[in-house]
Amino acid sequence: MSLESEAFAAGAEIPSEYTCEGRDVSPPLRWSGVPAAARSLALVETDPDAPDPAAPKTIYTHWILVDLPPADGSLPAGVTPERLPAGAREGTNDWGRVGYGGPCPPIGRHRYFHTLYALDTTLPSLQAPTRAELEQAMAGHVLAKAALMGTYQKQKAP
């Protein structure tokens, strides 16, 4: 299974449009090679370098999507709840908000991992889950996963 974006290459800088210094909208994503046995997909964007890459203390969650259709597909830039595929919904990020919260590192260059999971089940009982709730629900159900990592460092002085 693979995950990529037309906005940035694997390991490259995420354009500011998708961060707190820009429009703070989700980047376009596309995936392929989903296992035939998959019943749903889940997507999680995390920053393992929070708050400081030199001394990380937590994995910060920026975005969660659950129950995406189990097929090769894509999401457009700036996807909104109304533009999500039928049945898909967003989870609660570490800002305590449902939806996308783009990169906004307080110090240094951080890595942002977009991880797509192919699951052998659907997760209809999860409504706006946190990452911990999603991970618990996915335990034992992951058929495959793919990740796309981009980096970002604030351009403007704090």
N, C-alpha and C. Protein backbone atom coordinates (compact mmCIF):
# COMPACT_ATOMS: atom_id res chain seq x y z
N MET A 1 0.86 -1.17 0.00
CA MET A 1 0.00 0.00 0.00
C MET A 1 0.90 1.23 0.00
N SER A 2 0.50 2.27 -0.71
CA SER A 2 1.30 3.50 -0.75
C SER A 2 0.42 4.72 -0.51
N LEU A 3 1.06 5.78 0.00
CA LEU A 3 0.38 7.05 0.29
C LEU A 3 1.29 8.16 -0.20
N GLU A 4 0.73 9.09 -0.96
CA GLU A 4 1.52 10.22 -1.48
C GLU A 4 0.66 11.46 -1.58
N SER A 5 1.34 12.58 -1.86
CA SER A 5 0.66 13.86 -2.02
C SER A 5 1.25 14.60 -3.20
N GLU A 6 0.42 15.29 -3.95
CA GLU A 6 0.93 16.13 -5.04
C GLU A 6 1.51 17.43 -4.48
N ALA A 7 1.26 17.72 -3.18
CA ALA A 7 1.73 18.96 -2.58
C ALA A 7 3.17 18.89 -2.09
N PHE A 8 3.64 17.69 -1.71
CA PHE A 8 5.01 17.54 -1.23
C PHE A 8 5.45 16.09 -1.40
N ALA A 9 6.73 15.91 -1.64
CA ALA A 9 7.31 14.58 -1.80
C ALA A 9 7.65 14.01 -0.42
N ALA A 10 7.78 12.71 -0.35
CA ALA A 10 8.17 12.05 0.90
C ALA A 10 9.48 12.63 1.41
N GLY A 11 9.48 13.06 2.66
CA GLY A 11 10.67 13.62 3.28
C GLY A 11 10.90 15.09 3.00
N ALA A 12 10.09 15.70 2.15
CA ALA A 12 10.26 17.11 1.78
C ALA A 12 9.45 18.02 2.69
N GLU A 13 9.66 19.32 2.52
CA GLU A 13 8.94 20.30 3.32
C GLU A 13 7.48 20.40 2.89
N ILE A 14 6.61 20.47 3.88
CA ILE A 14 5.18 20.66 3.63
C ILE A 14 4.98 22.15 3.31
N PRO A 15 4.32 22.48 2.21
CA PRO A 15 4.10 23.90 1.88
C PRO A 15 3.30 24.61 2.99
N SER A 16 3.63 25.87 3.21
CA SER A 16 3.02 26.63 4.31
C SER A 16 1.50 26.74 4.19
N GLU A 17 0.97 26.59 2.99
CA GLU A 17 -0.49 26.63 2.80
C GLU A 17 -1.21 25.64 3.73
N TYR A 18 -0.54 24.52 4.05
CA TYR A 18 -1.16 23.46 4.84
C TYR A 18 -0.80 23.55 6.31
N THR A 19 -0.28 24.70 6.75
CA THR A 19 0.19 24.90 8.12
C THR A 19 -0.52 26.08 8.77
N CYS A 20 -0.17 26.30 10.06
CA CYS A 20 -0.76 27.43 10.79
C CYS A 20 -0.29 28.78 10.25
N GLU A 21 0.76 28.77 9.44
CA GLU A 21 1.24 30.02 8.85
C GLU A 21 0.58 30.31 7.50
N GLY A 22 -0.23 29.38 7.03
CA GLY A 22 -0.91 29.54 5.75
C GLY A 22 -2.41 29.44 5.94
N ARG A 23 -3.06 28.71 5.05
CA ARG A 23 -4.52 28.55 5.12
C ARG A 23 -4.94 27.49 6.14
N ASP A 24 -3.97 26.71 6.64
CA ASP A 24 -4.21 25.65 7.63
C ASP A 24 -5.29 24.68 7.15
N VAL A 25 -5.13 24.24 5.90
CA VAL A 25 -6.04 23.25 5.32
C VAL A 25 -5.27 21.95 5.08
N SER A 26 -5.99 20.85 5.04
CA SER A 26 -5.36 19.55 4.83
C SER A 26 -4.76 19.46 3.44
N PRO A 27 -3.64 18.75 3.32
CA PRO A 27 -3.03 18.57 2.00
C PRO A 27 -3.77 17.53 1.18
N PRO A 28 -3.64 17.57 -0.15
CA PRO A 28 -4.23 16.52 -0.97
C PRO A 28 -3.45 15.22 -0.74
N LEU A 29 -4.17 14.12 -0.66
CA LEU A 29 -3.55 12.81 -0.46
C LEU A 29 -4.15 11.81 -1.42
N ARG A 30 -3.35 10.83 -1.84
CA ARG A 30 -3.87 9.74 -2.66
C ARG A 30 -3.17 8.46 -2.26
N TRP A 31 -3.90 7.36 -2.35
CA TRP A 31 -3.36 6.07 -1.94
C TRP A 31 -3.73 5.00 -2.94
N SER A 32 -2.91 3.95 -2.93
CA SER A 32 -3.15 2.83 -3.83
C SER A 32 -2.61 1.56 -3.19
N GLY A 33 -2.99 0.43 -3.77
CA GLY A 33 -2.53 -0.86 -3.27
C GLY A 33 -3.25 -1.32 -2.02
N VAL A 34 -4.47 -0.86 -1.80
CA VAL A 34 -5.24 -1.27 -0.62
C VAL A 34 -5.56 -2.76 -0.73
N PRO A 35 -5.33 -3.53 0.34
CA PRO A 35 -5.63 -4.97 0.29
C PRO A 35 -7.11 -5.23 -0.01
N ALA A 36 -7.37 -6.26 -0.78
CA ALA A 36 -8.74 -6.60 -1.17
C ALA A 36 -9.61 -6.91 0.04
N ALA A 37 -9.03 -7.39 1.12
CA ALA A 37 -9.80 -7.75 2.31
C ALA A 37 -10.16 -6.55 3.20
N ALA A 38 -9.66 -5.37 2.86
CA ALA A 38 -9.93 -4.19 3.69
C ALA A 38 -11.41 -3.83 3.65
N ARG A 39 -11.95 -3.48 4.82
CA ARG A 39 -13.34 -3.03 4.91
C ARG A 39 -13.43 -1.53 5.16
N SER A 40 -12.32 -0.93 5.64
CA SER A 40 -12.28 0.52 5.83
C SER A 40 -10.83 0.96 5.96
N LEU A 41 -10.63 2.27 5.88
CA LEU A 41 -9.32 2.87 6.05
C LEU A 41 -9.39 3.93 7.16
N ALA A 42 -8.28 4.11 7.85
CA ALA A 42 -8.18 5.18 8.84
C ALA A 42 -6.90 5.95 8.53
N LEU A 43 -6.92 7.25 8.76
CA LEU A 43 -5.77 8.10 8.50
C LEU A 43 -5.47 8.90 9.76
N VAL A 44 -4.19 8.96 10.13
CA VAL A 44 -3.77 9.73 11.30
C VAL A 44 -2.54 10.55 10.91
N GLU A 45 -2.55 11.85 11.24
CA GLU A 45 -1.37 12.70 11.06
C GLU A 45 -0.81 13.02 12.43
N THR A 46 0.48 12.71 12.63
CA THR A 46 1.12 12.95 13.92
C THR A 46 2.46 13.64 13.77
N ASP A 47 2.89 14.27 14.85
CA ASP A 47 4.19 14.92 14.97
C ASP A 47 4.90 14.28 16.16
N PRO A 48 5.90 13.42 15.91
CA PRO A 48 6.60 12.77 17.02
C PRO A 48 7.69 13.64 17.65
N ASP A 49 7.85 14.86 17.16
CA ASP A 49 8.93 15.73 17.61
C ASP A 49 8.46 16.83 18.57
N ALA A 50 7.25 16.73 19.09
CA ALA A 50 6.70 17.78 19.94
C ALA A 50 7.25 17.68 21.37
N PRO A 51 7.49 18.81 22.00
CA PRO A 51 7.41 20.15 21.43
C PRO A 51 8.71 20.60 20.75
N ASP A 52 9.83 19.91 21.05
CA ASP A 52 11.13 20.32 20.54
C ASP A 52 11.83 19.10 19.96
N PRO A 53 12.23 19.11 18.68
CA PRO A 53 12.87 17.95 18.09
C PRO A 53 14.14 17.50 18.84
N ALA A 54 14.80 18.42 19.53
CA ALA A 54 16.00 18.07 20.29
C ALA A 54 15.65 17.34 21.58
N ALA A 55 14.42 17.48 22.05
CA ALA A 55 13.97 16.83 23.28
C ALA A 55 12.48 16.54 23.19
N PRO A 56 12.07 15.62 22.29
CA PRO A 56 10.64 15.34 22.12
C PRO A 56 10.04 14.75 23.39
N LYS A 57 8.81 15.15 23.68
CA LYS A 57 8.13 14.67 24.88
C LYS A 57 6.82 13.96 24.58
N THR A 58 6.27 14.17 23.41
CA THR A 58 4.98 13.58 23.10
C THR A 58 4.81 13.41 21.59
N ILE A 59 3.87 12.59 21.22
CA ILE A 59 3.46 12.47 19.81
C ILE A 59 2.17 13.27 19.69
N TYR A 60 2.23 14.37 18.97
CA TYR A 60 1.09 15.28 18.85
C TYR A 60 0.24 14.89 17.65
N THR A 61 -1.06 14.76 17.86
CA THR A 61 -1.99 14.35 16.80
C THR A 61 -2.61 15.58 16.14
N HIS A 62 -2.48 15.65 14.81
CA HIS A 62 -2.99 16.79 14.04
C HIS A 62 -4.30 16.48 13.30
N TRP A 63 -4.53 15.21 12.95
CA TRP A 63 -5.71 14.90 12.14
C TRP A 63 -6.01 13.41 12.25
N ILE A 64 -7.29 13.09 12.30
CA ILE A 64 -7.76 11.71 12.32
C ILE A 64 -8.96 11.59 11.39
N LEU A 65 -8.94 10.58 10.54
CA LEU A 65 -10.10 10.23 9.72
C LEU A 65 -10.39 8.74 9.93
N VAL A 66 -11.65 8.39 10.06
CA VAL A 66 -12.04 6.98 10.20
C VAL A 66 -13.10 6.62 9.17
N ASP A 67 -13.15 5.33 8.89
CA ASP A 67 -14.13 4.74 7.97
C ASP A 67 -14.10 5.34 6.56
N LEU A 68 -12.88 5.61 6.08
CA LEU A 68 -12.74 5.97 4.66
C LEU A 68 -13.05 4.72 3.85
N PRO A 69 -13.57 4.86 2.64
CA PRO A 69 -13.88 3.69 1.80
C PRO A 69 -12.63 2.85 1.53
N PRO A 70 -12.79 1.53 1.56
CA PRO A 70 -11.64 0.62 1.41
C PRO A 70 -11.26 0.36 -0.03
N ALA A 71 -10.77 1.36 -0.68
CA ALA A 71 -10.36 1.22 -2.09
C ALA A 71 -9.26 2.24 -2.35
N ASP A 72 -8.59 2.07 -3.48
CA ASP A 72 -7.64 3.10 -3.89
C ASP A 72 -8.42 4.40 -4.04
N GLY A 73 -7.85 5.49 -3.60
CA GLY A 73 -8.61 6.73 -3.66
C GLY A 73 -7.77 7.94 -3.33
N SER A 74 -8.47 9.03 -3.01
CA SER A 74 -7.78 10.28 -2.73
C SER A 74 -8.68 11.20 -1.92
N LEU A 75 -8.05 12.22 -1.37
CA LEU A 75 -8.74 13.31 -0.70
C LEU A 75 -8.20 14.60 -1.30
N PRO A 76 -9.07 15.56 -1.60
CA PRO A 76 -8.59 16.83 -2.14
C PRO A 76 -7.97 17.69 -1.05
N ALA A 77 -7.23 18.70 -1.44
CA ALA A 77 -6.72 19.68 -0.48
C ALA A 77 -7.90 20.37 0.19
N GLY A 78 -7.73 20.68 1.47
CA GLY A 78 -8.77 21.42 2.18
C GLY A 78 -10.08 20.66 2.32
N VAL A 79 -10.00 19.35 2.44
CA VAL A 79 -11.22 18.56 2.55
C VAL A 79 -12.00 19.00 3.80
N THR A 80 -13.30 19.14 3.65
CA THR A 80 -14.20 19.51 4.75
C THR A 80 -15.09 18.32 5.06
N PRO A 81 -15.75 18.32 6.22
CA PRO A 81 -16.63 17.20 6.54
C PRO A 81 -17.66 16.92 5.45
N GLU A 82 -18.13 17.97 4.79
CA GLU A 82 -19.12 17.80 3.72
C GLU A 82 -18.54 17.14 2.48
N ARG A 83 -17.21 17.23 2.31
CA ARG A 83 -16.56 16.67 1.12
C ARG A 83 -15.90 15.33 1.37
N LEU A 84 -16.02 14.82 2.61
CA LEU A 84 -15.48 13.49 2.91
C LEU A 84 -16.34 12.43 2.22
N PRO A 85 -15.74 11.29 1.88
CA PRO A 85 -16.54 10.21 1.31
C PRO A 85 -17.65 9.79 2.27
N ALA A 86 -18.74 9.26 1.74
CA ALA A 86 -19.88 8.83 2.56
C ALA A 86 -19.42 7.88 3.65
N GLY A 87 -19.84 8.16 4.88
CA GLY A 87 -19.52 7.31 6.02
C GLY A 87 -18.25 7.68 6.74
N ALA A 88 -17.36 8.43 6.09
CA ALA A 88 -16.10 8.83 6.72
C ALA A 88 -16.36 10.00 7.66
N ARG A 89 -15.56 10.08 8.72
CA ARG A 89 -15.69 11.19 9.66
C ARG A 89 -14.34 11.48 10.30
N GLU A 90 -14.26 12.68 10.87
CA GLU A 90 -13.01 13.13 11.47
C GLU A 90 -12.99 12.85 12.97
N GLY A 91 -11.77 12.72 13.48
CA GLY A 91 -11.58 12.53 14.91
C GLY A 91 -11.15 13.82 15.58
N THR A 92 -10.85 13.70 16.88
CA THR A 92 -10.46 14.84 17.70
C THR A 92 -8.94 14.92 17.77
N ASN A 93 -8.39 16.06 17.36
CA ASN A 93 -6.94 16.24 17.37
C ASN A 93 -6.48 16.68 18.77
N ASP A 94 -5.19 16.87 18.93
CA ASP A 94 -4.67 17.22 20.26
C ASP A 94 -4.88 18.69 20.64
N TRP A 95 -5.50 19.47 19.78
CA TRP A 95 -5.97 20.80 20.17
C TRP A 95 -7.35 20.69 20.79
N GLY A 96 -7.91 19.47 20.80
CA GLY A 96 -9.25 19.26 21.34
C GLY A 96 -10.34 19.62 20.36
N ARG A 97 -9.98 19.74 19.07
CA ARG A 97 -10.95 20.09 18.02
C ARG A 97 -11.14 18.91 17.07
N VAL A 98 -12.33 18.79 16.55
CA VAL A 98 -12.58 17.79 15.51
C VAL A 98 -12.12 18.40 14.19
N GLY A 99 -11.32 17.65 13.45
CA GLY A 99 -10.87 18.11 12.15
C GLY A 99 -9.36 18.27 12.08
N TYR A 100 -8.93 18.94 11.02
CA TYR A 100 -7.52 19.10 10.71
C TYR A 100 -6.92 20.29 11.44
N GLY A 101 -5.72 20.13 11.95
CA GLY A 101 -4.92 21.21 12.51
C GLY A 101 -3.53 21.05 11.95
N GLY A 102 -3.11 21.95 11.11
CA GLY A 102 -1.85 21.80 10.40
C GLY A 102 -0.61 21.97 11.25
N PRO A 103 0.54 21.64 10.67
CA PRO A 103 1.80 21.81 11.37
C PRO A 103 1.95 23.23 11.90
N CYS A 104 2.46 23.31 13.14
CA CYS A 104 2.65 24.61 13.80
C CYS A 104 3.69 24.44 14.89
N PRO A 105 4.90 24.02 14.51
CA PRO A 105 5.90 23.68 15.53
C PRO A 105 6.37 24.91 16.31
N PRO A 106 6.45 24.79 17.64
CA PRO A 106 6.90 25.93 18.44
C PRO A 106 8.39 26.23 18.29
N ILE A 107 9.19 25.20 17.94
CA ILE A 107 10.63 25.39 17.79
C ILE A 107 11.17 24.32 16.85
N GLY A 108 12.09 24.70 15.98
CA GLY A 108 12.78 23.74 15.13
C GLY A 108 11.96 23.15 14.01
N ARG A 109 12.61 22.24 13.27
CA ARG A 109 11.97 21.53 12.16
C ARG A 109 11.40 20.22 12.69
N HIS A 110 10.10 20.02 12.49
CA HIS A 110 9.41 18.82 12.95
C HIS A 110 9.07 17.92 11.77
N ARG A 111 8.91 16.64 12.06
CA ARG A 111 8.45 15.65 11.07
C ARG A 111 6.97 15.40 11.30
N TYR A 112 6.23 15.30 10.19
CA TYR A 112 4.78 15.06 10.25
C TYR A 112 4.49 13.80 9.46
N PHE A 113 3.94 12.80 10.15
CA PHE A 113 3.65 11.52 9.52
C PHE A 113 2.16 11.41 9.25
N HIS A 114 1.80 11.19 7.99
CA HIS A 114 0.43 10.87 7.59
C HIS A 114 0.43 9.35 7.43
N THR A 115 -0.28 8.65 8.28
CA THR A 115 -0.27 7.18 8.25
C THR A 115 -1.67 6.68 7.91
N LEU A 116 -1.73 5.86 6.87
CA LEU A 116 -2.99 5.28 6.41
C LEU A 116 -3.01 3.81 6.81
N TYR A 117 -4.10 3.39 7.45
CA TYR A 117 -4.27 2.02 7.90
C TYR A 117 -5.40 1.35 7.12
N ALA A 118 -5.16 0.17 6.60
CA ALA A 118 -6.21 -0.65 5.99
C ALA A 118 -6.69 -1.60 7.07
N LEU A 119 -7.99 -1.59 7.33
CA LEU A 119 -8.57 -2.37 8.42
C LEU A 119 -9.51 -3.46 7.89
N ASP A 120 -9.59 -4.55 8.63
CA ASP A 120 -10.49 -5.64 8.24
C ASP A 120 -11.88 -5.46 8.83
N THR A 121 -12.18 -4.25 9.30
CA THR A 121 -13.46 -3.95 9.92
C THR A 121 -13.80 -2.49 9.68
N THR A 122 -15.02 -2.10 10.03
CA THR A 122 -15.41 -0.69 10.06
C THR A 122 -15.50 -0.31 11.54
N LEU A 123 -15.53 0.98 11.80
CA LEU A 123 -15.53 1.47 13.18
C LEU A 123 -16.71 2.41 13.43
N PRO A 124 -17.95 1.93 13.21
CA PRO A 124 -19.11 2.82 13.31
C PRO A 124 -19.36 3.38 14.71
N SER A 125 -18.85 2.71 15.75
CA SER A 125 -19.11 3.20 17.10
C SER A 125 -18.23 4.39 17.47
N LEU A 126 -17.17 4.63 16.69
CA LEU A 126 -16.28 5.76 16.99
C LEU A 126 -16.82 7.05 16.38
N GLN A 127 -17.15 7.97 17.24
CA GLN A 127 -17.61 9.28 16.80
C GLN A 127 -16.59 10.30 17.30
N ALA A 128 -15.86 10.95 16.40
CA ALA A 128 -14.83 11.95 16.74
C ALA A 128 -13.81 11.38 17.72
N PRO A 129 -13.21 10.21 17.41
CA PRO A 129 -12.28 9.59 18.36
C PRO A 129 -10.96 10.33 18.50
N THR A 130 -10.34 10.17 19.66
CA THR A 130 -8.96 10.61 19.85
C THR A 130 -8.06 9.54 19.24
N ARG A 131 -6.77 9.83 19.14
CA ARG A 131 -5.84 8.84 18.61
C ARG A 131 -5.81 7.60 19.49
N ALA A 132 -5.84 7.77 20.81
CA ALA A 132 -5.81 6.61 21.72
C ALA A 132 -7.05 5.74 21.51
N GLU A 133 -8.21 6.37 21.35
CA GLU A 133 -9.44 5.59 21.12
C GLU A 133 -9.37 4.86 19.79
N LEU A 134 -8.85 5.52 18.76
CA LEU A 134 -8.73 4.88 17.45
C LEU A 134 -7.74 3.72 17.52
N GLU A 135 -6.59 3.94 18.14
CA GLU A 135 -5.60 2.87 18.23
C GLU A 135 -6.16 1.65 18.96
N GLN A 136 -6.92 1.88 20.01
CA GLN A 136 -7.53 0.77 20.75
C GLN A 136 -8.53 0.02 19.85
N ALA A 137 -9.35 0.76 19.11
CA ALA A 137 -10.34 0.13 18.23
C ALA A 137 -9.68 -0.61 17.07
N MET A 138 -8.53 -0.13 16.59
CA MET A 138 -7.85 -0.76 15.45
C MET A 138 -7.03 -1.99 15.86
N ALA A 139 -6.73 -2.16 17.14
CA ALA A 139 -5.88 -3.25 17.60
C ALA A 139 -6.38 -4.59 17.07
N GLY A 140 -5.49 -5.31 16.40
CA GLY A 140 -5.82 -6.61 15.84
C GLY A 140 -6.57 -6.57 14.52
N HIS A 141 -6.79 -5.37 13.96
CA HIS A 141 -7.57 -5.23 12.72
C HIS A 141 -6.78 -4.62 11.56
N VAL A 142 -5.50 -4.29 11.76
CA VAL A 142 -4.71 -3.64 10.72
C VAL A 142 -4.17 -4.68 9.74
N LEU A 143 -4.57 -4.54 8.48
CA LEU A 143 -4.10 -5.44 7.42
C LEU A 143 -2.82 -4.91 6.77
N ALA A 144 -2.71 -3.60 6.66
CA ALA A 144 -1.56 -2.97 6.03
C ALA A 144 -1.55 -1.51 6.45
N LYS A 145 -0.37 -0.88 6.30
CA LYS A 145 -0.31 0.56 6.54
C LYS A 145 0.73 1.18 5.61
N ALA A 146 0.54 2.45 5.36
CA ALA A 146 1.46 3.22 4.53
C ALA A 146 1.63 4.58 5.18
N ALA A 147 2.82 5.16 5.05
CA ALA A 147 3.07 6.46 5.67
C ALA A 147 3.73 7.41 4.69
N LEU A 148 3.41 8.67 4.84
CA LEU A 148 4.02 9.76 4.09
C LEU A 148 4.50 10.77 5.12
N MET A 149 5.81 11.06 5.12
CA MET A 149 6.37 12.00 6.08
C MET A 149 6.82 13.26 5.35
N GLY A 150 6.41 14.40 5.93
CA GLY A 150 6.87 15.69 5.46
C GLY A 150 7.39 16.46 6.66
N THR A 151 8.15 17.51 6.41
CA THR A 151 8.70 18.30 7.51
C THR A 151 8.19 19.74 7.44
N TYR A 152 8.31 20.44 8.58
CA TYR A 152 7.97 21.85 8.57
C TYR A 152 8.66 22.56 9.71
N GLN A 153 9.13 23.77 9.43
CA GLN A 153 9.69 24.67 10.43
C GLN A 153 9.06 26.03 10.16
N LYS A 154 8.61 26.69 11.22
CA LYS A 154 7.98 28.00 11.03
C LYS A 154 8.93 28.96 10.32
N GLN A 155 8.35 29.72 9.40
CA GLN A 155 9.13 30.70 8.64
C GLN A 155 9.15 32.07 9.32
N LYS A 156 8.08 32.36 10.05
CA LYS A 156 7.94 33.67 10.69
C LYS A 156 8.47 33.59 12.11
N ALA A 157 9.03 34.67 12.59
CA ALA A 157 9.52 34.71 13.97
C ALA A 157 8.31 34.71 14.91
N PRO A 158 8.44 34.03 16.07
CA PRO A 158 7.31 33.97 17.02
C PRO A 158 6.97 35.31 17.59
